[in-house]
Amino acid sequence: SARWAEKYGNFEKAGSKIIKLVNKKNKNKKMKNKKAKFVCSLTIWFDKTKKITTIGVVEGKISNKLSGKRGFGYDPIFIPRGSSITFGQMKKKKKILMDHRFQAFKKLKQKINIL
């Protein structure tokens, strides 16, 4: 995601480009597809034979415009499922509790505690 943003100059320009691409792809379509998701995969290697991997996912859709100054990266264009606002508009605590990274770390902690 950072490489994509770098290609277009910054995250704001890259976010605008994504919105344009999604709208172009949906042009003339009755059913618009704006589905999106953030995915975080974490792996801890304990030695060459033991590892733990977890994945956190938050599903949602691409917004029609950049909205919000909170968060970072693509937060201003991502509306998580069940919400009407972007991650960029959400208060930090609310966003973190549904964030893909938080989910992955929470699962990782649970697996480590079982060991």
C-alpha atoms as a PDB file:
ATOM      1  CA  SER A   1       0.000   0.000   0.000  1.00  0.00           C
ATOM      2  CA  ALA A   2       2.857   2.395   0.701  1.00  0.00           C
ATOM      3  CA  ARG A   3       4.411   1.603  -2.698  1.00  0.00           C
ATOM      4  CA  TRP A   4       1.077   2.370  -4.386  1.00  0.00           C
ATOM      5  CA  ALA A   5       0.880   5.713  -2.541  1.00  0.00           C
ATOM      6  CA  GLU A   6       4.492   6.510  -3.416  1.00  0.00           C
ATOM      7  CA  LYS A   7       3.740   5.869  -7.083  1.00  0.00           C
ATOM      8  CA  TYR A   8       1.057   8.590  -6.998  1.00  0.00           C
ATOM      9  CA  GLY A   9       2.907  11.004  -4.699  1.00  0.00           C
ATOM     10  CA  ASN A  10       1.178  10.384  -1.350  1.00  0.00           C
ATOM     11  CA  PHE A  11      -1.747   8.573   0.285  1.00  0.00           C
ATOM     12  CA  GLU A  12      -4.218  11.355  -0.479  1.00  0.00           C
ATOM     13  CA  LYS A  13      -3.462  11.250  -4.214  1.00  0.00           C
ATOM     14  CA  ALA A  14      -3.457   7.447  -4.186  1.00  0.00           C
ATOM     15  CA  GLY A  15      -6.805   7.410  -2.377  1.00  0.00           C
ATOM     16  CA  SER A  16      -8.275   9.739  -4.984  1.00  0.00           C
ATOM     17  CA  LYS A  17      -6.900   7.481  -7.720  1.00  0.00           C
ATOM     18  CA  ILE A  18      -8.521   4.420  -6.134  1.00  0.00           C
ATOM     19  CA  ILE A  19     -11.887   6.195  -5.968  1.00  0.00           C
ATOM     20  CA  LYS A  20     -11.582   7.131  -9.654  1.00  0.00           C
ATOM     21  CA  LEU A  21     -10.641   3.566 -10.633  1.00  0.00           C
ATOM     22  CA  VAL A  22     -13.547   2.079  -8.658  1.00  0.00           C
ATOM     23  CA  ASN A  23     -15.994   4.562 -10.194  1.00  0.00           C
ATOM     24  CA  LYS A  24     -14.635   3.888 -13.683  1.00  0.00           C
ATOM     25  CA  LYS A  25     -14.973   0.138 -13.213  1.00  0.00           C
ATOM     26  CA  ASN A  26     -18.556   0.591 -11.997  1.00  0.00           C
ATOM     27  CA  LYS A  27     -19.567   2.993 -14.755  1.00  0.00           C
ATOM     28  CA  ASN A  28     -22.670   1.745 -16.590  1.00  0.00           C
ATOM     29  CA  LYS A  29     -23.169  -1.084 -14.076  1.00  0.00           C
ATOM     30  CA  LYS A  30     -26.509  -1.467 -12.370  1.00  0.00           C
ATOM     31  CA  MET A  31     -24.977  -3.116  -9.296  1.00  0.00           C
ATOM     32  CA  LYS A  32     -21.953  -1.112  -8.103  1.00  0.00           C
ATOM     33  CA  ASN A  33     -19.111  -3.089  -6.513  1.00  0.00           C
ATOM     34  CA  LYS A  34     -17.175  -1.017  -3.987  1.00  0.00           C
ATOM     35  CA  LYS A  35     -16.183  -3.898  -1.710  1.00  0.00           C
ATOM     36  CA  ALA A  36     -12.829  -3.593   0.000  1.00  0.00           C
ATOM     37  CA  LYS A  37     -10.970  -5.077   2.929  1.00  0.00           C
ATOM     38  CA  PHE A  38      -7.889  -4.500   4.994  1.00  0.00           C
ATOM     39  CA  VAL A  39      -5.845  -7.606   5.848  1.00  0.00           C
ATOM     40  CA  CYS A  40      -3.012  -8.005   8.358  1.00  0.00           C
ATOM     41  CA  SER A  41      -0.988 -11.198   8.638  1.00  0.00           C
ATOM     42  CA  LEU A  42       1.392 -11.698  11.570  1.00  0.00           C
ATOM     43  CA  THR A  43       3.862 -14.519  12.097  1.00  0.00           C
ATOM     44  CA  ILE A  44       6.182 -15.206  15.021  1.00  0.00           C
ATOM     45  CA  TRP A  45       8.956 -17.753  14.526  1.00  0.00           C
ATOM     46  CA  PHE A  46      10.143 -19.360  17.764  1.00  0.00           C
ATOM     47  CA  ASP A  47      12.707 -21.552  16.057  1.00  0.00           C
ATOM     48  CA  LYS A  48      13.055 -23.229  12.679  1.00  0.00           C
ATOM     49  CA  THR A  49      10.198 -25.628  13.411  1.00  0.00           C
ATOM     50  CA  LYS A  50       7.730 -23.592  15.516  1.00  0.00           C
ATOM     51  CA  LYS A  51       5.745 -20.604  14.308  1.00  0.00           C
ATOM     52  CA  ILE A  52       2.411 -18.925  14.976  1.00  0.00           C
ATOM     53  CA  THR A  53       0.516 -17.056  12.243  1.00  0.00           C
ATOM     54  CA  THR A  54      -2.668 -15.039  12.593  1.00  0.00           C
ATOM     55  CA  ILE A  55      -4.736 -12.966  10.204  1.00  0.00           C
ATOM     56  CA  GLY A  56      -6.957  -9.986  10.941  1.00  0.00           C
ATOM     57  CA  VAL A  57      -9.506  -8.795   8.388  1.00  0.00           C
ATOM     58  CA  VAL A  58     -11.904  -5.872   8.329  1.00  0.00           C
ATOM     59  CA  GLU A  59     -14.343  -5.767   5.426  1.00  0.00           C
ATOM     60  CA  GLY A  60     -16.049  -2.702   4.071  1.00  0.00           C
ATOM     61  CA  LYS A  61     -16.274  -0.538   0.994  1.00  0.00           C
ATOM     62  CA  ILE A  62     -14.598   2.358  -0.778  1.00  0.00           C
ATOM     63  CA  SER A  63     -16.215   5.734  -0.104  1.00  0.00           C
ATOM     64  CA  ASN A  64     -17.236   8.193  -2.822  1.00  0.00           C
ATOM     65  CA  LYS A  65     -14.722  10.787  -1.632  1.00  0.00           C
ATOM     66  CA  LEU A  66     -11.851  11.330   0.780  1.00  0.00           C
ATOM     67  CA  SER A  67     -13.402  11.928   4.209  1.00  0.00           C
ATOM     68  CA  GLY A  68     -11.689  12.562   7.520  1.00  0.00           C
ATOM     69  CA  LYS A  69      -8.243  13.566   8.728  1.00  0.00           C
ATOM     70  CA  ARG A  70      -7.811  10.901  11.402  1.00  0.00           C
ATOM     71  CA  GLY A  71      -5.817   7.745  10.984  1.00  0.00           C
ATOM     72  CA  PHE A  72      -3.377   7.328   8.138  1.00  0.00           C
ATOM     73  CA  GLY A  73      -2.914   5.708   4.774  1.00  0.00           C
ATOM     74  CA  TYR A  74      -6.186   4.764   3.128  1.00  0.00           C
ATOM     75  CA  ASP A  75      -8.360   5.414   6.203  1.00  0.00           C
ATOM     76  CA  PRO A  76     -10.125   8.405   4.533  1.00  0.00           C
ATOM     77  CA  ILE A  77     -11.540   6.190   1.744  1.00  0.00           C
ATOM     78  CA  PHE A  78     -12.426   3.040   3.699  1.00  0.00           C
ATOM     79  CA  ILE A  79     -15.865   2.584   5.283  1.00  0.00           C
ATOM     80  CA  PRO A  80     -15.909  -0.543   7.474  1.00  0.00           C
ATOM     81  CA  ARG A  81     -18.945  -2.824   7.313  1.00  0.00           C
ATOM     82  CA  GLY A  82     -21.631  -1.685   9.721  1.00  0.00           C
ATOM     83  CA  SER A  83     -20.460   1.927   9.686  1.00  0.00           C
ATOM     84  CA  SER A  84     -21.531   4.984   7.723  1.00  0.00           C
ATOM     85  CA  ILE A  85     -18.248   6.853   8.149  1.00  0.00           C
ATOM     86  CA  THR A  86     -14.660   6.217   7.051  1.00  0.00           C
ATOM     87  CA  PHE A  87     -11.822   5.146   9.320  1.00  0.00           C
ATOM     88  CA  GLY A  88     -10.486   8.660   8.690  1.00  0.00           C
ATOM     89  CA  GLN A  89     -13.560  10.137  10.382  1.00  0.00           C
ATOM     90  CA  MET A  90     -13.621   7.762  13.361  1.00  0.00           C
ATOM     91  CA  LYS A  91     -12.252   8.452  16.783  1.00  0.00           C
ATOM     92  CA  LYS A  92      -9.019   6.547  17.318  1.00  0.00           C
ATOM     93  CA  LYS A  93     -10.330   4.175  20.000  1.00  0.00           C
ATOM     94  CA  LYS A  94     -13.351   3.096  17.940  1.00  0.00           C
ATOM     95  CA  LYS A  95     -11.214   2.507  14.852  1.00  0.00           C
ATOM     96  CA  ILE A  96      -8.541   0.546  16.704  1.00  0.00           C
ATOM     97  CA  LEU A  97     -11.090  -1.861  18.195  1.00  0.00           C
ATOM     98  CA  MET A  98     -12.240  -2.944  14.716  1.00  0.00           C
ATOM     99  CA  ASP A  99      -8.900  -2.552  12.946  1.00  0.00           C
ATOM    100  CA  HIS A 100      -7.338  -5.490  11.080  1.00  0.00           C
ATOM    101  CA  ARG A 101      -4.042  -5.069  12.904  1.00  0.00           C
ATOM    102  CA  PHE A 102      -5.751  -5.135  16.305  1.00  0.00           C
ATOM    103  CA  GLN A 103      -7.622  -8.303  15.338  1.00  0.00           C
ATOM    104  CA  ALA A 104      -4.421 -10.031  14.215  1.00  0.00           C
ATOM    105  CA  PHE A 105      -2.520  -9.029  17.378  1.00  0.00           C
ATOM    106  CA  LYS A 106      -5.419 -10.109  19.601  1.00  0.00           C
ATOM    107  CA  LYS A 107      -5.466 -13.559  17.954  1.00  0.00           C
ATOM    108  CA  LEU A 108      -1.677 -13.779  18.228  1.00  0.00           C
ATOM    109  CA  LYS A 109      -1.796 -12.966  21.945  1.00  0.00           C
ATOM    110  CA  GLN A 110      -4.422 -15.663  22.505  1.00  0.00           C
ATOM    111  CA  LYS A 111      -2.305 -18.263  20.701  1.00  0.00           C
ATOM    112  CA  ILE A 112       0.826 -17.297  22.633  1.00  0.00           C
ATOM    113  CA  ASN A 113      -1.034 -17.530  25.952  1.00  0.00           C
ATOM    114  CA  ILE A 114      -2.050 -21.101  25.092  1.00  0.00           C
ATOM    115  CA  LEU A 115       1.608 -22.177  24.731  1.00  0.00           C
END
